[in-house]
C-alpha atoms as a PDB file:
ATOM      1  CA  MET A   1       0.000   0.000   0.000  1.00  0.00           C
ATOM      2  CA  ALA A   2       1.195   3.500  -0.829  1.00  0.00           C
ATOM      3  CA  SER A   3      -0.215   7.014  -0.998  1.00  0.00           C
ATOM      4  CA  GLY A   4       0.220  10.015  -3.277  1.00  0.00           C
ATOM      5  CA  ASP A   5      -1.603  12.860  -5.003  1.00  0.00           C
ATOM      6  CA  PHE A   6      -2.460  11.217  -8.335  1.00  0.00           C
ATOM      7  CA  ASN A   7      -4.963  13.819  -9.595  1.00  0.00           C
ATOM      8  CA  ASN A   8      -3.235  17.025  -8.411  1.00  0.00           C
ATOM      9  CA  ASP A   9      -6.012  18.028  -6.012  1.00  0.00           C
ATOM     10  CA  LYS A  10      -3.606  18.540  -3.080  1.00  0.00           C
ATOM     11  CA  GLN A  11      -5.035  15.487  -1.286  1.00  0.00           C
ATOM     12  CA  SER A  12      -3.491  12.056  -0.823  1.00  0.00           C
ATOM     13  CA  GLU A  13      -4.979   9.059  -2.591  1.00  0.00           C
ATOM     14  CA  ILE A  14      -4.226   5.441  -1.656  1.00  0.00           C
ATOM     15  CA  VAL A  15      -3.077   2.624  -3.934  1.00  0.00           C
ATOM     16  CA  ILE A  16      -3.324  -1.007  -2.792  1.00  0.00           C
ATOM     17  CA  ALA A  17      -1.800  -4.106  -4.409  1.00  0.00           C
ATOM     18  CA  ASN A  18      -4.270  -7.025  -4.421  1.00  0.00           C
ATOM     19  CA  GLY A  19      -2.397 -10.289  -4.745  1.00  0.00           C
ATOM     20  CA  GLY A  20      -5.443 -12.487  -5.175  1.00  0.00           C
ATOM     21  CA  SER A  21      -6.836 -10.663  -8.206  1.00  0.00           C
ATOM     22  CA  ASN A  22      -3.671  -9.343  -9.908  1.00  0.00           C
ATOM     23  CA  HIS A  23      -4.672  -5.698  -9.900  1.00  0.00           C
ATOM     24  CA  LEU A  24      -4.230  -2.370  -8.117  1.00  0.00           C
ATOM     25  CA  ASP A  25      -7.013  -0.486  -6.362  1.00  0.00           C
ATOM     26  CA  ILE A  26      -6.802   3.314  -6.172  1.00  0.00           C
ATOM     27  CA  PHE A  27      -8.968   5.158  -3.644  1.00  0.00           C
ATOM     28  CA  VAL A  28      -9.491   8.924  -4.042  1.00  0.00           C
ATOM     29  CA  ALA A  29      -9.627  10.943  -0.819  1.00  0.00           C
ATOM     30  CA  TYR A  30     -12.306  13.432   0.230  1.00  0.00           C
ATOM     31  CA  ASN A  31     -11.659  16.425   2.517  1.00  0.00           C
ATOM     32  CA  HIS A  32     -13.337  14.755   5.502  1.00  0.00           C
ATOM     33  CA  GLY A  33     -11.083  11.686   5.456  1.00  0.00           C
ATOM     34  CA  SER A  34     -13.338   9.252   3.565  1.00  0.00           C
ATOM     35  CA  PHE A  35     -12.479   7.674   0.210  1.00  0.00           C
ATOM     36  CA  GLU A  36     -14.206   7.315  -3.146  1.00  0.00           C
ATOM     37  CA  ASP A  37     -14.848   3.837  -4.566  1.00  0.00           C
ATOM     38  CA  GLN A  38     -11.738   2.294  -6.041  1.00  0.00           C
ATOM     39  CA  LYS A  39     -10.472   2.362  -9.609  1.00  0.00           C
ATOM     40  CA  ARG A  40      -8.755  -0.845 -10.748  1.00  0.00           C
ATOM     41  CA  TYR A  41      -5.729  -1.468 -12.953  1.00  0.00           C
ATOM     42  CA  SER A  42      -4.295  -4.802 -14.062  1.00  0.00           C
ATOM     43  CA  VAL A  43      -0.720  -5.644 -13.101  1.00  0.00           C
ATOM     44  CA  GLY A  44       1.364  -8.829 -12.980  1.00  0.00           C
ATOM     45  CA  SER A  45       0.801 -12.094 -11.155  1.00  0.00           C
ATOM     46  CA  TYR A  46       0.299 -11.775  -7.396  1.00  0.00           C
ATOM     47  CA  PRO A  47       1.425  -8.187  -6.719  1.00  0.00           C
ATOM     48  CA  ARG A  48       3.033  -7.844  -3.288  1.00  0.00           C
ATOM     49  CA  SER A  49       4.328  -4.282  -2.949  1.00  0.00           C
ATOM     50  CA  VAL A  50       3.669  -0.889  -4.506  1.00  0.00           C
ATOM     51  CA  VAL A  51       5.384   2.526  -4.445  1.00  0.00           C
ATOM     52  CA  VAL A  52       4.938   5.803  -6.290  1.00  0.00           C
ATOM     53  CA  GLY A  53       7.314   8.255  -7.968  1.00  0.00           C
ATOM     54  CA  ASP A  54       7.705  10.437 -11.053  1.00  0.00           C
ATOM     55  CA  PHE A  55       9.575   8.142 -13.456  1.00  0.00           C
ATOM     56  CA  ASN A  56       9.292  10.228 -16.645  1.00  0.00           C
ATOM     57  CA  ASN A  57       9.804  13.701 -15.160  1.00  0.00           C
ATOM     58  CA  ASP A  58       6.413  15.085 -16.174  1.00  0.00           C
ATOM     59  CA  SER A  59       5.458  16.157 -12.614  1.00  0.00           C
ATOM     60  CA  ARG A  60       2.798  13.412 -12.533  1.00  0.00           C
ATOM     61  CA  LEU A  61       3.049  10.521 -10.098  1.00  0.00           C
ATOM     62  CA  ASP A  62       3.566   7.043 -11.524  1.00  0.00           C
ATOM     63  CA  ILE A  63       3.338   3.600  -9.898  1.00  0.00           C
ATOM     64  CA  VAL A  64       5.645   0.589  -9.712  1.00  0.00           C
ATOM     65  CA  VAL A  65       4.544  -2.752  -8.264  1.00  0.00           C
ATOM     66  CA  ALA A  66       6.472  -5.947  -7.472  1.00  0.00           C
ATOM     67  CA  ASN A  67       4.780  -9.097  -8.806  1.00  0.00           C
ATOM     68  CA  TRP A  68       5.640 -12.194  -6.749  1.00  0.00           C
ATOM     69  CA  ASN A  69       4.562 -14.917  -9.178  1.00  0.00           C
ATOM     70  CA  GLY A  70       5.600 -13.044 -12.310  1.00  0.00           C
ATOM     71  CA  ASN A  71       9.198 -12.423 -11.184  1.00  0.00           C
ATOM     72  CA  ASP A  72       8.876  -8.891 -12.503  1.00  0.00           C
ATOM     73  CA  VAL A  73       7.802  -5.347 -11.745  1.00  0.00           C
ATOM     74  CA  SER A  74       4.995  -3.404 -13.417  1.00  0.00           C
ATOM     75  CA  VAL A  75       5.327   0.317 -14.154  1.00  0.00           C
ATOM     76  CA  LEU A  76       2.120   2.342 -14.687  1.00  0.00           C
ATOM     77  CA  LEU A  77       2.655   5.918 -15.863  1.00  0.00           C
ATOM     78  CA  GLY A  78       0.262   8.496 -14.459  1.00  0.00           C
ATOM     79  CA  ASN A  79      -1.795  10.924 -16.532  1.00  0.00           C
ATOM     80  CA  GLY A  80      -2.106  13.495 -13.739  1.00  0.00           C
ATOM     81  CA  ASN A  81      -5.898  13.178 -13.484  1.00  0.00           C
ATOM     82  CA  GLY A  82      -6.007  10.059 -11.310  1.00  0.00           C
ATOM     83  CA  SER A  83      -5.820   7.637 -14.251  1.00  0.00           C
ATOM     84  CA  PHE A  84      -2.861   5.544 -15.422  1.00  0.00           C
ATOM     85  CA  GLU A  85      -1.518   3.998 -18.606  1.00  0.00           C
ATOM     86  CA  ASN A  86      -1.383   0.221 -19.022  1.00  0.00           C
ATOM     87  CA  GLN A  87       1.477  -1.533 -17.271  1.00  0.00           C
ATOM     88  CA  ILE A  88       4.944  -2.061 -18.719  1.00  0.00           C
ATOM     89  CA  SER A  89       6.814  -5.010 -17.168  1.00  0.00           C
ATOM     90  CA  TYR A  90      10.514  -5.437 -16.345  1.00  0.00           C
ATOM     91  CA  SER A  91      12.231  -8.612 -15.141  1.00  0.00           C
ATOM     92  CA  ALA A  92      13.336  -8.910 -11.502  1.00  0.00           C
ATOM     93  CA  GLY A  93      14.659 -11.827  -9.431  1.00  0.00           C
ATOM     94  CA  SER A  94      12.735 -14.793  -8.072  1.00  0.00           C
ATOM     95  CA  SER A  95       9.593 -13.870  -6.104  1.00  0.00           C
ATOM     96  CA  PRO A  96       9.975 -10.089  -5.756  1.00  0.00           C
ATOM     97  CA  GLN A  97       8.550  -9.135  -2.389  1.00  0.00           C
ATOM     98  CA  SER A  98       9.196  -5.417  -1.916  1.00  0.00           C
ATOM     99  CA  VAL A  99      10.055  -2.416  -4.091  1.00  0.00           C
ATOM    100  CA  VAL A 100      11.292   1.140  -3.449  1.00  0.00           C
ATOM    101  CA  VAL A 101      12.641   3.965  -5.604  1.00  0.00           C
ATOM    102  CA  GLY A 102      15.502   6.451  -5.430  1.00  0.00           C
ATOM    103  CA  ASP A 103      18.180   8.127  -7.540  1.00  0.00           C
ATOM    104  CA  PHE A 104      21.146   5.746  -7.218  1.00  0.00           C
ATOM    105  CA  ASN A 105      23.452   7.252  -9.856  1.00  0.00           C
ATOM    106  CA  ASN A 106      22.784  10.959  -9.284  1.00  0.00           C
ATOM    107  CA  ASP A 107      21.378  11.662 -12.739  1.00  0.00           C
ATOM    108  CA  SER A 108      18.092  13.154 -11.421  1.00  0.00           C
ATOM    109  CA  ARG A 109      16.198  10.116 -12.742  1.00  0.00           C
ATOM    110  CA  LEU A 110      14.406   7.745 -10.390  1.00  0.00           C
ATOM    111  CA  ASP A 111      15.664   4.170 -10.205  1.00  0.00           C
ATOM    112  CA  ILE A 112      14.103   1.019  -8.711  1.00  0.00           C
ATOM    113  CA  VAL A 113      15.351  -1.548  -6.202  1.00  0.00           C
ATOM    114  CA  VAL A 114      13.482  -4.813  -5.576  1.00  0.00           C
ATOM    115  CA  ALA A 115      13.956  -7.404  -2.803  1.00  0.00           C
ATOM    116  CA  ASN A 116      13.713 -10.907  -4.286  1.00  0.00           C
ATOM    117  CA  TRP A 117      12.552 -13.442  -1.693  1.00  0.00           C
ATOM    118  CA  ASN A 118      13.523 -16.716  -3.331  1.00  0.00           C
ATOM    119  CA  SER A 119      16.766 -15.665  -5.032  1.00  0.00           C
ATOM    120  CA  ASN A 120      18.208 -14.017  -1.889  1.00  0.00           C
ATOM    121  CA  ASP A 121      19.171 -10.822  -3.660  1.00  0.00           C
ATOM    122  CA  VAL A 122      18.055  -7.349  -4.653  1.00  0.00           C
ATOM    123  CA  SER A 123      17.549  -6.097  -8.204  1.00  0.00           C
ATOM    124  CA  VAL A 124      18.539  -2.542  -9.158  1.00  0.00           C
ATOM    125  CA  LEU A 125      16.904  -1.121 -12.308  1.00  0.00           C
ATOM    126  CA  LEU A 126      18.306   2.244 -13.371  1.00  0.00           C
ATOM    127  CA  GLY A 127      15.799   4.703 -14.815  1.00  0.00           C
ATOM    128  CA  ASN A 128      16.151   6.410 -18.183  1.00  0.00           C
ATOM    129  CA  GLY A 129      14.052   9.408 -17.166  1.00  0.00           C
ATOM    130  CA  ASN A 130      11.310   8.702 -19.724  1.00  0.00           C
ATOM    131  CA  GLY A 131       9.438   6.054 -17.727  1.00  0.00           C
ATOM    132  CA  SER A 132      11.560   3.155 -18.982  1.00  0.00           C
ATOM    133  CA  PHE A 133      14.290   1.255 -17.119  1.00  0.00           C
ATOM    134  CA  GLU A 134      17.537  -0.568 -17.838  1.00  0.00           C
ATOM    135  CA  ASN A 135      17.883  -4.305 -17.257  1.00  0.00           C
ATOM    136  CA  GLN A 136      18.335  -5.330 -13.642  1.00  0.00           C
ATOM    137  CA  ILE A 137      21.668  -5.625 -11.802  1.00  0.00           C
ATOM    138  CA  ARG A 138      21.504  -7.998  -8.835  1.00  0.00           C
ATOM    139  CA  TYR A 139      23.291  -7.957  -5.464  1.00  0.00           C
ATOM    140  CA  SER A 140      23.360 -10.772  -2.905  1.00  0.00           C
ATOM    141  CA  VAL A 141      21.794 -10.271   0.526  1.00  0.00           C
ATOM    142  CA  GLY A 142      20.635 -12.623   3.316  1.00  0.00           C
ATOM    143  CA  LEU A 143      18.064 -15.406   3.300  1.00  0.00           C
ATOM    144  CA  TYR A 144      14.558 -14.555   2.084  1.00  0.00           C
ATOM    145  CA  PRO A 145      14.777 -10.760   1.824  1.00  0.00           C
ATOM    146  CA  GLY A 146      11.369  -9.240   2.419  1.00  0.00           C
ATOM    147  CA  SER A 147      11.440  -5.480   2.920  1.00  0.00           C
ATOM    148  CA  VAL A 148      13.769  -2.900   1.393  1.00  0.00           C
ATOM    149  CA  ILE A 149      14.373   0.808   2.007  1.00  0.00           C
ATOM    150  CA  VAL A 150      16.846   3.362   0.664  1.00  0.00           C
ATOM    151  CA  SER A 151      18.407   6.392   2.312  1.00  0.00           C
ATOM    152  CA  ASP A 152      21.795   7.993   2.963  1.00  0.00           C
ATOM    153  CA  PHE A 153      23.111   6.184   6.042  1.00  0.00           C
ATOM    154  CA  ASN A 154      26.736   7.347   5.847  1.00  0.00           C
ATOM    155  CA  ASN A 155      26.183  11.019   5.018  1.00  0.00           C
ATOM    156  CA  ASP A 156      27.977  10.975   1.670  1.00  0.00           C
ATOM    157  CA  THR A 157      24.915  12.175  -0.323  1.00  0.00           C
ATOM    158  CA  ARG A 158      24.716   8.746  -2.001  1.00  0.00           C
ATOM    159  CA  LEU A 159      21.733   6.479  -1.449  1.00  0.00           C
ATOM    160  CA  ASP A 160      22.286   3.195   0.372  1.00  0.00           C
ATOM    161  CA  ILE A 161      20.081   0.098   0.694  1.00  0.00           C
ATOM    162  CA  VAL A 162      18.793  -1.716   3.787  1.00  0.00           C
ATOM    163  CA  VAL A 163      16.871  -4.982   3.449  1.00  0.00           C
ATOM    164  CA  THR A 164      15.336  -7.347   6.026  1.00  0.00           C
ATOM    165  CA  ASN A 165      16.244 -11.020   5.728  1.00  0.00           C
ATOM    166  CA  TRP A 166      13.430 -13.206   7.059  1.00  0.00           C
ATOM    167  CA  GLY A 167      15.404 -16.451   6.891  1.00  0.00           C
ATOM    168  CA  SER A 168      18.628 -15.248   8.521  1.00  0.00           C
ATOM    169  CA  ASN A 169      17.063 -12.972  11.174  1.00  0.00           C
ATOM    170  CA  ASP A 170      19.107  -9.941  10.203  1.00  0.00           C
ATOM    171  CA  VAL A 171      19.262  -6.870   8.007  1.00  0.00           C
ATOM    172  CA  SER A 172      21.691  -6.255   5.157  1.00  0.00           C
ATOM    173  CA  VAL A 173      23.188  -2.817   4.506  1.00  0.00           C
ATOM    174  CA  LEU A 174      24.554  -2.122   1.005  1.00  0.00           C
ATOM    175  CA  VAL A 175      26.424   1.171   0.781  1.00  0.00           C
ATOM    176  CA  GLY A 176      25.935   3.033  -2.493  1.00  0.00           C
ATOM    177  CA  ASN A 177      28.792   4.271  -4.667  1.00  0.00           C
ATOM    178  CA  GLY A 178      26.743   7.035  -6.271  1.00  0.00           C
ATOM    179  CA  ASN A 179      27.060   5.599  -9.788  1.00  0.00           C
ATOM    180  CA  GLY A 180      24.249   3.042  -9.531  1.00  0.00           C
ATOM    181  CA  SER A 181      26.445   0.313  -8.039  1.00  0.00           C
ATOM    182  CA  PHE A 182      26.647  -0.884  -4.428  1.00  0.00           C
ATOM    183  CA  GLU A 183      29.201  -2.393  -2.063  1.00  0.00           C
ATOM    184  CA  ASP A 184      28.812  -5.926  -0.726  1.00  0.00           C
ATOM    185  CA  GLN A 185      26.341  -6.335   2.115  1.00  0.00           C
ATOM    186  CA  ILE A 186      27.129  -5.901   5.807  1.00  0.00           C
ATOM    187  CA  SER A 187      24.687  -7.706   8.115  1.00  0.00           C
ATOM    188  CA  TYR A 188      23.268  -6.738  11.528  1.00  0.00           C
ATOM    189  CA  SER A 189      21.210  -8.963  13.813  1.00  0.00           C
ATOM    190  CA  ALA A 190      17.483  -8.293  14.194  1.00  0.00           C
ATOM    191  CA  GLY A 191      14.706 -10.256  15.898  1.00  0.00           C
ATOM    192  CA  SER A 192      13.022 -13.436  14.732  1.00  0.00           C
ATOM    193  CA  TYR A 193      11.650 -13.352  11.168  1.00  0.00           C
ATOM    194  CA  PRO A 194      12.093  -9.640  10.414  1.00  0.00           C
ATOM    195  CA  GLN A 195       9.294  -8.482   8.134  1.00  0.00           C
ATOM    196  CA  SER A 196       9.587  -4.740   7.588  1.00  0.00           C
ATOM    197  CA  VAL A 197      12.050  -1.883   8.067  1.00  0.00           C
ATOM    198  CA  VAL A 198      11.909   1.920   8.019  1.00  0.00           C
ATOM    199  CA  ALA A 199      14.430   4.664   8.735  1.00  0.00           C
ATOM    200  CA  GLY A 200      14.282   7.774  10.886  1.00  0.00           C
ATOM    201  CA  ASP A 201      16.347   9.858  13.289  1.00  0.00           C
ATOM    202  CA  PHE A 202      15.156   8.565  16.661  1.00  0.00           C
ATOM    203  CA  ASN A 203      17.747  10.263  18.873  1.00  0.00           C
ATOM    204  CA  ASN A 204      18.008  13.635  17.125  1.00  0.00           C
ATOM    205  CA  ASP A 205      21.705  13.321  16.260  1.00  0.00           C
ATOM    206  CA  SER A 206      21.196  13.939  12.513  1.00  0.00           C
ATOM    207  CA  ARG A 207      22.146  10.308  11.819  1.00  0.00           C
ATOM    208  CA  LEU A 208      19.613   7.924  10.370  1.00  0.00           C
ATOM    209  CA  ASP A 209      18.491   4.969  12.474  1.00  0.00           C
ATOM    210  CA  ILE A 210      16.323   1.978  11.516  1.00  0.00           C
ATOM    211  CA  VAL A 211      13.438   0.113  13.114  1.00  0.00           C
ATOM    212  CA  VAL A 212      12.520  -3.456  12.168  1.00  0.00           C
ATOM    213  CA  ALA A 213       9.233  -5.315  12.743  1.00  0.00           C
ATOM    214  CA  ASN A 214       9.987  -8.892  13.841  1.00  0.00           C
ATOM    215  CA  GLY A 215       7.127 -11.258  13.025  1.00  0.00           C
ATOM    216  CA  GLY A 216       8.452 -14.231  14.970  1.00  0.00           C
ATOM    217  CA  SER A 217       9.496 -12.548  18.222  1.00  0.00           C
ATOM    218  CA  ASN A 218       6.533 -10.154  18.548  1.00  0.00           C
ATOM    219  CA  ASP A 219       8.684  -7.056  18.864  1.00  0.00           C
ATOM    220  CA  VAL A 220      10.496  -4.304  17.012  1.00  0.00           C
ATOM    221  CA  SER A 221      14.254  -3.806  16.834  1.00  0.00           C
ATOM    222  CA  VAL A 222      15.726  -0.307  16.910  1.00  0.00           C
ATOM    223  CA  LEU A 223      19.263   0.018  15.523  1.00  0.00           C
ATOM    224  CA  LEU A 224      20.806   3.447  16.053  1.00  0.00           C
ATOM    225  CA  GLY A 225      22.998   4.678  13.213  1.00  0.00           C
ATOM    226  CA  LYS A 226      26.574   5.861  13.660  1.00  0.00           C
ATOM    227  CA  GLY A 227      26.473   8.117  10.606  1.00  0.00           C
ATOM    228  CA  ASN A 228      29.104   6.122   8.700  1.00  0.00           C
ATOM    229  CA  GLY A 229      26.816   3.397   7.363  1.00  0.00           C
ATOM    230  CA  SER A 230      27.177   1.165  10.421  1.00  0.00           C
ATOM    231  CA  PHE A 231      24.727   0.619  13.283  1.00  0.00           C
ATOM    232  CA  GLU A 232      24.663  -0.090  17.006  1.00  0.00           C
ATOM    233  CA  ASN A 233      23.369  -3.413  18.279  1.00  0.00           C
ATOM    234  CA  GLN A 234      19.598  -3.690  18.308  1.00  0.00           C
ATOM    235  CA  ARG A 235      17.335  -2.641  21.162  1.00  0.00           C
ATOM    236  CA  LYS A 236      14.027  -4.496  21.228  1.00  0.00           C
ATOM    237  CA  TYR A 237      10.558  -3.275  22.232  1.00  0.00           C
ATOM    238  CA  SER A 238       7.446  -5.412  22.618  1.00  0.00           C
ATOM    239  CA  ALA A 239       4.670  -5.192  20.029  1.00  0.00           C
ATOM    240  CA  GLY A 240       1.581  -7.331  19.359  1.00  0.00           C
ATOM    241  CA  MET A 241       1.446 -10.787  17.813  1.00  0.00           C
ATOM    242  CA  GLY A 242       3.137 -11.244  14.457  1.00  0.00           C
ATOM    243  CA  PRO A 243       4.264  -7.695  13.573  1.00  0.00           C
ATOM    244  CA  GLN A 244       4.161  -7.285   9.794  1.00  0.00           C
ATOM    245  CA  SER A 245       4.654  -3.663   8.785  1.00  0.00           C
ATOM    246  CA  VAL A 246       6.150  -0.612  10.485  1.00  0.00           C
ATOM    247  CA  VAL A 247       6.074   3.137   9.833  1.00  0.00           C
ATOM    248  CA  VAL A 248       7.231   6.222  11.710  1.00  0.00           C
ATOM    249  CA  GLY A 249       5.821   9.700  12.170  1.00  0.00           C
ATOM    250  CA  TYR A 250       5.080  12.490  14.644  1.00  0.00           C
ATOM    251  CA  PHE A 251       1.796  11.370  16.176  1.00  0.00           C
ATOM    252  CA  ASN A 252       1.814  13.590  19.266  1.00  0.00           C
ATOM    253  CA  ASN A 253       3.388  16.678  17.653  1.00  0.00           C
ATOM    254  CA  ASP A 254       6.433  16.776  19.940  1.00  0.00           C
ATOM    255  CA  THR A 255       9.139  16.664  17.205  1.00  0.00           C
ATOM    256  CA  ARG A 256      10.160  13.180  18.404  1.00  0.00           C
ATOM    257  CA  LEU A 257       9.605  10.319  15.982  1.00  0.00           C
ATOM    258  CA  ASP A 258       7.125   7.649  17.015  1.00  0.00           C
ATOM    259  CA  ILE A 259       6.576   4.105  15.713  1.00  0.00           C
ATOM    260  CA  VAL A 260       3.432   2.403  14.418  1.00  0.00           C
ATOM    261  CA  VAL A 261       3.521  -1.339  13.776  1.00  0.00           C
ATOM    262  CA  VAL A 262       0.785  -3.580  12.352  1.00  0.00           C
ATOM    263  CA  ASN A 263       0.273  -6.841  14.262  1.00  0.00           C
ATOM    264  CA  TRP A 264      -1.023  -9.602  11.975  1.00  0.00           C
ATOM    265  CA  GLY A 265      -1.798 -12.169  14.680  1.00  0.00           C
ATOM    266  CA  SER A 266      -3.482  -9.911  17.251  1.00  0.00           C
ATOM    267  CA  HIS A 267      -5.513  -7.864  14.728  1.00  0.00           C
ATOM    268  CA  ASP A 268      -4.285  -4.509  15.994  1.00  0.00           C
ATOM    269  CA  VAL A 269      -1.669  -1.800  15.664  1.00  0.00           C
ATOM    270  CA  SER A 270       0.895  -0.801  18.266  1.00  0.00           C
ATOM    271  CA  VAL A 271       1.927   2.821  18.768  1.00  0.00           C
ATOM    272  CA  LEU A 272       5.262   3.409  20.522  1.00  0.00           C
ATOM    273  CA  LEU A 273       5.899   7.053  21.378  1.00  0.00           C
ATOM    274  CA  GLY A 274       9.498   8.206  21.036  1.00  0.00           C
ATOM    275  CA  ASN A 275      11.465   9.909  23.787  1.00  0.00           C
ATOM    276  CA  GLY A 276      13.823  11.666  21.396  1.00  0.00           C
ATOM    277  CA  ASN A 277      16.932   9.873  22.704  1.00  0.00           C
ATOM    278  CA  GLY A 278      16.551   6.629  20.746  1.00  0.00           C
ATOM    279  CA  SER A 279      14.303   4.967  23.313  1.00  0.00           C
ATOM    280  CA  PHE A 280      10.535   4.440  23.181  1.00  0.00           C
ATOM    281  CA  GLU A 281       7.608   4.185  25.561  1.00  0.00           C
ATOM    282  CA  ASN A 282       5.685   0.944  25.989  1.00  0.00           C
ATOM    283  CA  GLN A 283       3.235   0.209  23.214  1.00  0.00           C
ATOM    284  CA  ILE A 284      -0.386   1.386  23.091  1.00  0.00           C
ATOM    285  CA  ARG A 285      -2.546  -0.920  20.971  1.00  0.00           C
ATOM    286  CA  TYR A 286      -5.593  -0.183  18.813  1.00  0.00           C
ATOM    287  CA  ALA A 287      -7.887  -2.791  17.268  1.00  0.00           C
ATOM    288  CA  VAL A 288      -8.210  -2.980  13.474  1.00  0.00           C
ATOM    289  CA  GLY A 289      -9.589  -5.604  11.052  1.00  0.00           C
ATOM    290  CA  PHE A 290      -8.640  -9.258  10.666  1.00  0.00           C
ATOM    291  CA  TYR A 291      -4.998 -10.076   9.922  1.00  0.00           C
ATOM    292  CA  PRO A 292      -3.699  -6.590   9.067  1.00  0.00           C
ATOM    293  CA  GLU A 293      -0.696  -6.561   6.750  1.00  0.00           C
ATOM    294  CA  SER A 294       0.225  -3.043   5.662  1.00  0.00           C
ATOM    295  CA  VAL A 295       0.038   0.510   6.988  1.00  0.00           C
ATOM    296  CA  VAL A 296       0.562   4.036   5.681  1.00  0.00           C
ATOM    297  CA  VAL A 297       0.304   7.375   7.436  1.00  0.00           C
ATOM    298  CA  GLY A 298      -0.788  10.747   6.118  1.00  0.00           C
ATOM    299  CA  ASP A 299      -3.074  13.683   6.798  1.00  0.00           C
ATOM    300  CA  PHE A 300      -6.204  12.367   5.088  1.00  0.00           C
ATOM    301  CA  ASN A 301      -8.691  14.859   6.579  1.00  0.00           C
ATOM    302  CA  ASN A 302      -6.586  18.038   6.352  1.00  0.00           C
ATOM    303  CA  ASP A 303      -6.428  18.757  10.079  1.00  0.00           C
ATOM    304  CA  THR A 304      -2.581  18.827  10.134  1.00  0.00           C
ATOM    305  CA  ARG A 305      -2.565  15.646  12.243  1.00  0.00           C
ATOM    306  CA  LEU A 306      -1.224  12.329  11.016  1.00  0.00           C
ATOM    307  CA  ASP A 307      -3.756   9.573  10.407  1.00  0.00           C
ATOM    308  CA  ILE A 308      -3.234   5.825   9.946  1.00  0.00           C
ATOM    309  CA  VAL A 309      -4.637   3.569   7.205  1.00  0.00           C
ATOM    310  CA  VAL A 310      -4.325  -0.219   7.532  1.00  0.00           C
ATOM    311  CA  THR A 311      -5.094  -2.986   5.035  1.00  0.00           C
ATOM    312  CA  ASN A 312      -6.675  -6.116   6.535  1.00  0.00           C
ATOM    313  CA  SER A 313      -6.082  -9.294   4.543  1.00  0.00           C
ATOM    314  CA  LYS A 314      -8.948 -11.432   5.871  1.00  0.00           C
ATOM    315  CA  SER A 315     -11.687  -8.819   6.260  1.00  0.00           C
ATOM    316  CA  ASN A 316     -11.003  -7.388   2.784  1.00  0.00           C
ATOM    317  CA  ASP A 317     -10.809  -3.785   3.944  1.00  0.00           C
END
């Protein structure tokens, strides 16, 4: 699930990948926080992850989705009015699970990185700036990579990659060279069956940290960054049962980043308020639908306060 302003109305819409029906659903937001009935677009076989970005530099948001069974990614170029062109597919590794975008070679064109679950690697597809992409280049990571993010973790203005490895209970960090290539992975321990990772500055030292949702140990791991691409040992905080997805944001308007994690097994979300020094308060939990899988945050009712949207796999909402 991802969000973006697809029709240039200054409000966030939501796009959801539906694995069972091989399509995307796009929900248009109203001012009061409700959503218009979905519009559907066909993609590849069993889409698992979706992100947005402007891939052809026309100031209109486009979509890329990772297709698990198709071993590829689908790119849908946006028309700027909430509609999209038909998909164009590009090969990835085996069972692509997660996808993100960033400019990896500093040419002002968005590129794609995909975590491939069954081939234990990530695929990097460099963008041409017109909505098309070069063939993939693959880099080895840990066992069963599931979630991938990009950011500058060593303060060299070059994007780096972090990926969770479900099978090896760790995260891999691949430092970027700024030309579209990456160094070999360095691994850091996480909890049991890490599912999702996000970055943020949790201790206000201007160095990026990461938080990982651990599906097997019912907790989240916080790894504080040193600013050189390396990280401290994890600190773990309890969550609900089977954490699946994690995001961060300022939910109490105190300029300290907080954590929200979706708990698949306990049908709820956990909110952990940040103390601003890298530590977090005990979780507060809120009930949602059955078997929640994904979460995004945004101001969906224009009250300048962050809201939470969760997809629930078994209640189809």
